[in-house]
N, C-alpha and C. Protein backbone atom coordinates (compact mmCIF):
# COMPACT_ATOMS: atom_id res chain seq x y z
N MET A 1 -6.50 2.28 6.21
CA MET A 1 -5.70 3.22 6.96
C MET A 1 -6.57 3.95 7.99
N LYS A 2 -7.81 4.16 7.62
CA LYS A 2 -8.68 4.88 8.54
C LYS A 2 -9.08 4.02 9.73
N ALA A 3 -9.04 2.70 9.58
CA ALA A 3 -9.53 1.80 10.61
C ALA A 3 -8.45 1.39 11.61
N GLN A 4 -7.28 1.98 11.55
CA GLN A 4 -6.21 1.61 12.48
C GLN A 4 -6.60 2.02 13.90
N PRO A 5 -6.46 1.10 14.85
CA PRO A 5 -6.82 1.45 16.23
C PRO A 5 -5.82 2.48 16.79
N MET A 6 -6.35 3.49 17.36
CA MET A 6 -5.50 4.53 17.94
C MET A 6 -5.65 4.51 19.47
N GLY A 7 -4.55 4.64 20.13
CA GLY A 7 -4.58 4.73 21.59
C GLY A 7 -4.81 3.41 22.29
N ALA A 8 -4.63 2.29 21.58
CA ALA A 8 -4.78 0.99 22.23
C ALA A 8 -3.54 0.72 23.07
N PRO A 9 -3.71 0.39 24.34
CA PRO A 9 -2.55 0.17 25.21
C PRO A 9 -1.68 -1.00 24.72
N HIS A 10 -0.40 -0.82 24.85
CA HIS A 10 0.60 -1.84 24.51
C HIS A 10 0.63 -2.19 23.03
N ARG A 11 0.16 -1.30 22.18
CA ARG A 11 0.22 -1.54 20.73
C ARG A 11 1.00 -0.42 20.08
N ARG A 12 1.80 -0.81 19.13
CA ARG A 12 2.56 0.19 18.37
C ARG A 12 1.58 0.99 17.52
N GLN A 13 1.76 2.28 17.48
CA GLN A 13 0.85 3.14 16.73
C GLN A 13 1.34 3.34 15.31
N MET A 14 0.42 3.31 14.37
CA MET A 14 0.75 3.56 12.97
C MET A 14 0.99 5.06 12.78
N PRO A 15 1.88 5.41 11.88
CA PRO A 15 2.10 6.83 11.62
C PRO A 15 0.86 7.46 10.98
N GLN A 16 0.66 8.72 11.25
CA GLN A 16 -0.46 9.44 10.68
C GLN A 16 0.00 10.15 9.41
N PHE A 17 -0.55 9.77 8.28
CA PHE A 17 -0.17 10.37 7.01
C PHE A 17 -1.06 11.56 6.65
N ASN A 18 -2.22 11.65 7.29
CA ASN A 18 -3.16 12.75 7.06
C ASN A 18 -3.46 12.96 5.58
N LEU A 19 -3.81 11.86 4.90
CA LEU A 19 -4.14 11.92 3.48
C LEU A 19 -5.58 12.38 3.32
N ASP A 20 -5.84 13.19 2.30
CA ASP A 20 -7.22 13.56 2.02
C ASP A 20 -7.86 12.45 1.18
N GLU A 21 -9.15 12.56 0.91
CA GLU A 21 -9.88 11.51 0.20
C GLU A 21 -9.29 11.23 -1.18
N GLN A 22 -8.88 12.26 -1.91
CA GLN A 22 -8.33 12.08 -3.25
C GLN A 22 -6.99 11.35 -3.19
N GLN A 23 -6.14 11.71 -2.26
CA GLN A 23 -4.84 11.05 -2.12
C GLN A 23 -5.02 9.58 -1.74
N LEU A 24 -5.95 9.31 -0.86
CA LEU A 24 -6.21 7.93 -0.45
C LEU A 24 -6.76 7.12 -1.63
N SER A 25 -7.65 7.72 -2.40
CA SER A 25 -8.21 7.05 -3.57
C SER A 25 -7.12 6.77 -4.60
N ASP A 26 -6.23 7.73 -4.82
CA ASP A 26 -5.12 7.53 -5.76
C ASP A 26 -4.19 6.43 -5.30
N LEU A 27 -3.93 6.37 -4.00
CA LEU A 27 -3.06 5.34 -3.45
C LEU A 27 -3.66 3.95 -3.65
N VAL A 28 -4.95 3.82 -3.42
CA VAL A 28 -5.64 2.54 -3.62
C VAL A 28 -5.60 2.15 -5.10
N ARG A 29 -5.87 3.11 -5.99
CA ARG A 29 -5.84 2.84 -7.43
C ARG A 29 -4.46 2.36 -7.87
N ASP A 30 -3.41 3.05 -7.43
CA ASP A 30 -2.05 2.67 -7.81
C ASP A 30 -1.66 1.31 -7.24
N SER A 31 -2.08 1.02 -6.02
CA SER A 31 -1.78 -0.28 -5.41
C SER A 31 -2.46 -1.41 -6.18
N ARG A 32 -3.70 -1.19 -6.59
CA ARG A 32 -4.40 -2.21 -7.38
C ARG A 32 -3.71 -2.41 -8.73
N TRP A 33 -3.29 -1.33 -9.35
CA TRP A 33 -2.63 -1.42 -10.66
C TRP A 33 -1.33 -2.21 -10.55
N THR A 34 -0.50 -1.91 -9.55
CA THR A 34 0.76 -2.65 -9.42
C THR A 34 0.51 -4.10 -9.02
N GLY A 35 -0.57 -4.38 -8.30
CA GLY A 35 -0.89 -5.74 -7.92
C GLY A 35 -1.31 -6.61 -9.09
N GLU A 36 -1.71 -6.00 -10.18
CA GLU A 36 -2.16 -6.76 -11.35
C GLU A 36 -1.05 -7.03 -12.36
N ILE A 37 0.15 -6.54 -12.11
CA ILE A 37 1.26 -6.76 -13.03
C ILE A 37 1.67 -8.23 -12.99
N ASN A 38 1.75 -8.85 -14.16
CA ASN A 38 2.11 -10.26 -14.25
C ASN A 38 3.63 -10.38 -14.19
N THR A 39 4.13 -10.90 -13.09
CA THR A 39 5.58 -11.06 -12.92
C THR A 39 6.00 -12.53 -13.04
N GLU A 40 5.11 -13.36 -13.56
CA GLU A 40 5.38 -14.80 -13.62
C GLU A 40 6.66 -15.13 -14.37
N LYS A 41 6.92 -14.46 -15.48
CA LYS A 41 8.12 -14.76 -16.25
C LYS A 41 9.15 -13.63 -16.16
N TRP A 42 9.17 -12.94 -15.05
CA TRP A 42 10.10 -11.85 -14.85
C TRP A 42 11.28 -12.40 -14.08
N ALA A 43 12.44 -12.15 -14.31
CA ALA A 43 13.03 -11.29 -15.33
C ALA A 43 13.06 -12.01 -16.68
N PRO A 44 13.03 -11.22 -17.76
CA PRO A 44 12.89 -11.82 -19.09
C PRO A 44 14.12 -12.57 -19.59
N ASN A 45 15.24 -12.45 -18.91
CA ASN A 45 16.44 -13.18 -19.37
C ASN A 45 17.25 -13.65 -18.17
N ILE A 46 18.24 -14.47 -18.41
CA ILE A 46 19.07 -15.04 -17.34
C ILE A 46 19.80 -13.96 -16.54
N GLU A 47 20.22 -12.90 -17.22
CA GLU A 47 20.97 -11.85 -16.54
C GLU A 47 20.07 -11.08 -15.58
N GLY A 48 18.76 -11.14 -15.84
CA GLY A 48 17.76 -10.58 -14.99
C GLY A 48 17.89 -9.17 -14.65
């Protein structure tokens, strides 16, 4: 998020969330946690 180019001509700008270091760290931790969830056999039944 910190490396997004700002002010580049003809490029859409990313919104500024103004997260502090702790919030950014928490976001990364949560994203990694959800990325490790095994969804291979999800949903557990036909009705899903």
